[in-house]
């Protein structure tokens, strides 16, 4: 029994490491494209009145990445099944799209490319919520704030694109 418990703890720790490392890597990849382009490029864009100050984004994304890491850790711990595999594919797809958005919007200096990325990203987030819900309701609930924030980011992205065409 002790061996099983010990093995289970190591497995949980491994899953937690995978989850946190994946989410942290995406965060870092996005920051590499974002921060060097905040000034002068992003600062020079016309933005809508509801655009939050730049300092708001880091704490919100930090909280969202922590929620995502916790959610995917819970899914990684669930028994292997086709449903779990699909849920993980959807999760990592939205995570890749999340990182790509920073490069498309900030790195390429293109709100249009950002928009082209964020629409399927939001769809992948919604699909992830549904897939996670089938496996673990708490994991699904942890992704809902991500959908809300990316939905807001979509509106913001469209507004920046329209105002700067």
C-alpha atoms as a PDB file:
ATOM      1  CA  UNK A   1       0.000   0.000   0.000  1.00  0.00           C
ATOM      2  CA  UNK A   2       2.782   2.449   0.874  1.00  0.00           C
ATOM      3  CA  UNK A   3       4.419   1.799  -2.505  1.00  0.00           C
ATOM      4  CA  UNK A   4       1.182   2.666  -4.324  1.00  0.00           C
ATOM      5  CA  UNK A   5       0.739   5.852  -2.287  1.00  0.00           C
ATOM      6  CA  UNK A   6       4.364   6.835  -2.881  1.00  0.00           C
ATOM      7  CA  UNK A   7       4.075   6.086  -6.601  1.00  0.00           C
ATOM      8  CA  UNK A   8       0.815   8.029  -6.735  1.00  0.00           C
ATOM      9  CA  UNK A   9       2.457  11.051  -5.086  1.00  0.00           C
ATOM     10  CA  UNK A  10       5.336  10.950  -7.564  1.00  0.00           C
ATOM     11  CA  UNK A  11       2.875  10.668 -10.442  1.00  0.00           C
ATOM     12  CA  UNK A  12       0.886  13.627  -9.104  1.00  0.00           C
ATOM     13  CA  UNK A  13       4.087  15.627  -8.739  1.00  0.00           C
ATOM     14  CA  UNK A  14       5.065  14.738 -12.309  1.00  0.00           C
ATOM     15  CA  UNK A  15       1.662  15.792 -13.628  1.00  0.00           C
ATOM     16  CA  UNK A  16       1.850  19.027 -11.661  1.00  0.00           C
ATOM     17  CA  UNK A  17       5.295  19.720 -13.104  1.00  0.00           C
ATOM     18  CA  UNK A  18       4.067  19.081 -16.653  1.00  0.00           C
ATOM     19  CA  UNK A  19       1.072  21.357 -16.117  1.00  0.00           C
ATOM     20  CA  UNK A  20       3.000  24.231 -14.556  1.00  0.00           C
ATOM     21  CA  UNK A  21       5.931  23.945 -16.994  1.00  0.00           C
ATOM     22  CA  UNK A  22       3.604  23.969 -20.016  1.00  0.00           C
ATOM     23  CA  UNK A  23       1.698  27.003 -18.851  1.00  0.00           C
ATOM     24  CA  UNK A  24       4.872  28.817 -17.739  1.00  0.00           C
ATOM     25  CA  UNK A  25       6.505  28.170 -21.112  1.00  0.00           C
ATOM     26  CA  UNK A  26       3.545  29.689 -22.935  1.00  0.00           C
ATOM     27  CA  UNK A  27       3.600  32.699 -20.624  1.00  0.00           C
ATOM     28  CA  UNK A  28       7.317  33.226 -21.241  1.00  0.00           C
ATOM     29  CA  UNK A  29       7.004  32.801 -25.003  1.00  0.00           C
ATOM     30  CA  UNK A  30       4.229  35.406 -25.050  1.00  0.00           C
ATOM     31  CA  UNK A  31       6.191  37.846 -22.890  1.00  0.00           C
ATOM     32  CA  UNK A  32       9.171  37.668 -25.258  1.00  0.00           C
ATOM     33  CA  UNK A  33       6.959  39.043 -28.030  1.00  0.00           C
ATOM     34  CA  UNK A  34       4.934  41.437 -25.896  1.00  0.00           C
ATOM     35  CA  UNK A  35       7.223  43.461 -23.645  1.00  0.00           C
ATOM     36  CA  UNK A  36       9.662  44.803 -26.254  1.00  0.00           C
ATOM     37  CA  UNK A  37       6.704  46.019 -28.319  1.00  0.00           C
ATOM     38  CA  UNK A  38       4.703  47.841 -25.633  1.00  0.00           C
ATOM     39  CA  UNK A  39       6.627  51.029 -26.352  1.00  0.00           C
ATOM     40  CA  UNK A  40       6.700  52.621 -28.815  1.00  0.00           C
ATOM     41  CA  UNK A  41       4.519  50.432 -31.078  1.00  0.00           C
ATOM     42  CA  UNK A  42       1.578  49.516 -28.803  1.00  0.00           C
ATOM     43  CA  UNK A  43       1.748  52.825 -26.955  1.00  0.00           C
ATOM     44  CA  UNK A  44       1.363  54.584 -30.317  1.00  0.00           C
ATOM     45  CA  UNK A  45      -1.832  52.768 -31.290  1.00  0.00           C
ATOM     46  CA  UNK A  46      -5.255  54.311 -30.902  1.00  0.00           C
ATOM     47  CA  UNK A  47      -7.112  52.287 -28.285  1.00  0.00           C
ATOM     48  CA  UNK A  48     -10.757  52.243 -27.174  1.00  0.00           C
ATOM     49  CA  UNK A  49     -11.830  54.015 -23.983  1.00  0.00           C
ATOM     50  CA  UNK A  50     -12.315  50.653 -22.211  1.00  0.00           C
ATOM     51  CA  UNK A  51      -8.685  49.593 -22.786  1.00  0.00           C
ATOM     52  CA  UNK A  52      -7.221  48.681 -19.381  1.00  0.00           C
ATOM     53  CA  UNK A  53      -3.858  50.121 -18.329  1.00  0.00           C
ATOM     54  CA  UNK A  54      -0.889  47.916 -19.248  1.00  0.00           C
ATOM     55  CA  UNK A  55      -0.161  46.991 -15.613  1.00  0.00           C
ATOM     56  CA  UNK A  56      -3.525  45.147 -15.365  1.00  0.00           C
ATOM     57  CA  UNK A  57      -2.571  42.435 -17.841  1.00  0.00           C
ATOM     58  CA  UNK A  58       0.289  40.766 -15.932  1.00  0.00           C
ATOM     59  CA  UNK A  59      -1.615  40.010 -12.695  1.00  0.00           C
ATOM     60  CA  UNK A  60      -4.706  38.873 -14.572  1.00  0.00           C
ATOM     61  CA  UNK A  61      -2.728  36.553 -16.845  1.00  0.00           C
ATOM     62  CA  UNK A  62      -0.755  35.239 -13.875  1.00  0.00           C
ATOM     63  CA  UNK A  63      -3.993  34.288 -12.122  1.00  0.00           C
ATOM     64  CA  UNK A  64      -5.392  32.767 -15.322  1.00  0.00           C
ATOM     65  CA  UNK A  65      -2.229  30.737 -15.949  1.00  0.00           C
ATOM     66  CA  UNK A  66      -2.375  29.414 -12.380  1.00  0.00           C
ATOM     67  CA  UNK A  67      -6.008  28.396 -12.908  1.00  0.00           C
ATOM     68  CA  UNK A  68      -5.092  26.713 -16.204  1.00  0.00           C
ATOM     69  CA  UNK A  69      -2.208  24.825 -14.591  1.00  0.00           C
ATOM     70  CA  UNK A  70      -4.468  23.630 -11.770  1.00  0.00           C
ATOM     71  CA  UNK A  71      -7.197  22.605 -14.234  1.00  0.00           C
ATOM     72  CA  UNK A  72      -4.911  20.641 -16.545  1.00  0.00           C
ATOM     73  CA  UNK A  73      -3.234  19.006 -13.531  1.00  0.00           C
ATOM     74  CA  UNK A  74      -6.654  17.707 -12.481  1.00  0.00           C
ATOM     75  CA  UNK A  75      -7.300  16.375 -15.991  1.00  0.00           C
ATOM     76  CA  UNK A  76      -3.846  14.792 -16.208  1.00  0.00           C
ATOM     77  CA  UNK A  77      -4.649  12.904 -12.989  1.00  0.00           C
ATOM     78  CA  UNK A  78      -7.861  11.454 -14.423  1.00  0.00           C
ATOM     79  CA  UNK A  79      -7.801   7.940 -15.922  1.00  0.00           C
ATOM     80  CA  UNK A  80      -6.586   7.654 -19.496  1.00  0.00           C
ATOM     81  CA  UNK A  81      -9.457   7.591 -21.982  1.00  0.00           C
ATOM     82  CA  UNK A  82     -10.341   8.961 -25.426  1.00  0.00           C
ATOM     83  CA  UNK A  83     -12.271  11.767 -23.673  1.00  0.00           C
ATOM     84  CA  UNK A  84      -9.202  12.705 -21.630  1.00  0.00           C
ATOM     85  CA  UNK A  85      -6.972  12.672 -24.716  1.00  0.00           C
ATOM     86  CA  UNK A  86      -9.366  14.969 -26.591  1.00  0.00           C
ATOM     87  CA  UNK A  87      -9.597  17.287 -23.575  1.00  0.00           C
ATOM     88  CA  UNK A  88      -5.803  17.519 -23.381  1.00  0.00           C
ATOM     89  CA  UNK A  89      -5.468  18.121 -27.132  1.00  0.00           C
ATOM     90  CA  UNK A  90      -8.008  20.949 -26.885  1.00  0.00           C
ATOM     91  CA  UNK A  91      -6.296  22.418 -23.824  1.00  0.00           C
ATOM     92  CA  UNK A  92      -2.842  22.428 -25.395  1.00  0.00           C
ATOM     93  CA  UNK A  93      -4.278  23.745 -28.682  1.00  0.00           C
ATOM     94  CA  UNK A  94      -5.737  26.776 -26.928  1.00  0.00           C
ATOM     95  CA  UNK A  95      -2.471  27.199 -25.035  1.00  0.00           C
ATOM     96  CA  UNK A  96      -0.448  27.236 -28.281  1.00  0.00           C
ATOM     97  CA  UNK A  97      -2.916  29.716 -29.804  1.00  0.00           C
ATOM     98  CA  UNK A  98      -2.522  31.831 -26.666  1.00  0.00           C
ATOM     99  CA  UNK A  99       1.249  32.042 -27.171  1.00  0.00           C
ATOM    100  CA  UNK A 100       0.864  32.593 -30.919  1.00  0.00           C
ATOM    101  CA  UNK A 101      -1.448  35.563 -30.326  1.00  0.00           C
ATOM    102  CA  UNK A 102       1.334  37.550 -28.638  1.00  0.00           C
ATOM    103  CA  UNK A 103       3.622  36.945 -31.606  1.00  0.00           C
ATOM    104  CA  UNK A 104       0.939  37.745 -34.154  1.00  0.00           C
ATOM    105  CA  UNK A 105      -0.355  40.878 -32.431  1.00  0.00           C
ATOM    106  CA  UNK A 106       2.773  42.284 -30.770  1.00  0.00           C
ATOM    107  CA  UNK A 107       5.634  40.538 -32.549  1.00  0.00           C
ATOM    108  CA  UNK A 108       4.249  41.112 -36.054  1.00  0.00           C
ATOM    109  CA  UNK A 109       2.700  44.468 -35.060  1.00  0.00           C
ATOM    110  CA  UNK A 110      -0.575  43.261 -36.513  1.00  0.00           C
ATOM    111  CA  UNK A 111      -3.934  43.553 -34.761  1.00  0.00           C
ATOM    112  CA  UNK A 112      -5.427  41.759 -37.788  1.00  0.00           C
ATOM    113  CA  UNK A 113      -3.174  38.717 -37.302  1.00  0.00           C
ATOM    114  CA  UNK A 114      -4.023  38.812 -33.602  1.00  0.00           C
ATOM    115  CA  UNK A 115      -7.698  38.757 -34.532  1.00  0.00           C
ATOM    116  CA  UNK A 116      -7.158  35.839 -36.906  1.00  0.00           C
ATOM    117  CA  UNK A 117      -5.633  33.937 -33.949  1.00  0.00           C
ATOM    118  CA  UNK A 118      -7.958  34.943 -31.118  1.00  0.00           C
ATOM    119  CA  UNK A 119     -11.195  33.758 -32.752  1.00  0.00           C
ATOM    120  CA  UNK A 120     -10.140  30.084 -32.987  1.00  0.00           C
ATOM    121  CA  UNK A 121      -8.394  30.472 -29.616  1.00  0.00           C
ATOM    122  CA  UNK A 122     -11.686  31.411 -27.959  1.00  0.00           C
ATOM    123  CA  UNK A 123     -13.446  28.528 -29.741  1.00  0.00           C
ATOM    124  CA  UNK A 124     -10.752  26.138 -28.471  1.00  0.00           C
ATOM    125  CA  UNK A 125     -11.191  27.491 -24.933  1.00  0.00           C
ATOM    126  CA  UNK A 126     -14.948  26.867 -25.053  1.00  0.00           C
ATOM    127  CA  UNK A 127     -14.340  23.358 -26.432  1.00  0.00           C
ATOM    128  CA  UNK A 128     -11.818  22.780 -23.617  1.00  0.00           C
ATOM    129  CA  UNK A 129     -14.411  23.801 -21.025  1.00  0.00           C
ATOM    130  CA  UNK A 130     -16.907  21.313 -22.454  1.00  0.00           C
ATOM    131  CA  UNK A 131     -14.311  18.519 -22.640  1.00  0.00           C
ATOM    132  CA  UNK A 132     -13.015  19.218 -19.135  1.00  0.00           C
ATOM    133  CA  UNK A 133     -16.583  19.295 -17.778  1.00  0.00           C
ATOM    134  CA  UNK A 134     -17.079  15.717 -18.936  1.00  0.00           C
ATOM    135  CA  UNK A 135     -14.088  14.684 -16.818  1.00  0.00           C
ATOM    136  CA  UNK A 136     -13.890  17.124 -13.918  1.00  0.00           C
ATOM    137  CA  UNK A 137     -16.319  19.960 -13.224  1.00  0.00           C
ATOM    138  CA  UNK A 138     -13.862  21.920 -11.096  1.00  0.00           C
ATOM    139  CA  UNK A 139     -11.264  21.816 -13.878  1.00  0.00           C
ATOM    140  CA  UNK A 140     -13.879  23.123 -16.304  1.00  0.00           C
ATOM    141  CA  UNK A 141     -14.855  25.924 -13.909  1.00  0.00           C
ATOM    142  CA  UNK A 142     -11.207  26.981 -13.698  1.00  0.00           C
ATOM    143  CA  UNK A 143     -11.151  27.600 -17.458  1.00  0.00           C
ATOM    144  CA  UNK A 144     -14.300  29.777 -17.470  1.00  0.00           C
ATOM    145  CA  UNK A 145     -12.407  32.931 -16.343  1.00  0.00           C
ATOM    146  CA  UNK A 146      -9.947  32.313 -19.202  1.00  0.00           C
ATOM    147  CA  UNK A 147     -12.868  32.308 -21.647  1.00  0.00           C
ATOM    148  CA  UNK A 148     -14.242  35.514 -20.131  1.00  0.00           C
ATOM    149  CA  UNK A 149     -10.896  37.315 -20.323  1.00  0.00           C
ATOM    150  CA  UNK A 150     -10.123  36.099 -23.859  1.00  0.00           C
ATOM    151  CA  UNK A 151     -13.665  37.140 -24.870  1.00  0.00           C
ATOM    152  CA  UNK A 152     -12.866  40.614 -23.549  1.00  0.00           C
ATOM    153  CA  UNK A 153      -9.488  40.487 -25.323  1.00  0.00           C
ATOM    154  CA  UNK A 154     -11.299  39.617 -28.563  1.00  0.00           C
ATOM    155  CA  UNK A 155     -13.477  42.742 -28.255  1.00  0.00           C
ATOM    156  CA  UNK A 156     -10.390  44.789 -27.417  1.00  0.00           C
ATOM    157  CA  UNK A 157      -8.446  43.270 -30.347  1.00  0.00           C
ATOM    158  CA  UNK A 158     -11.282  44.061 -32.787  1.00  0.00           C
ATOM    159  CA  UNK A 159     -11.494  47.627 -31.452  1.00  0.00           C
ATOM    160  CA  UNK A 160      -7.745  48.221 -31.797  1.00  0.00           C
ATOM    161  CA  UNK A 161      -7.792  46.786 -35.301  1.00  0.00           C
ATOM    162  CA  UNK A 162     -10.761  48.960 -36.388  1.00  0.00           C
ATOM    163  CA  UNK A 163      -9.303  52.125 -34.805  1.00  0.00           C
ATOM    164  CA  UNK A 164      -5.921  51.644 -36.472  1.00  0.00           C
ATOM    165  CA  UNK A 165      -6.783  50.478 -39.994  1.00  0.00           C
END
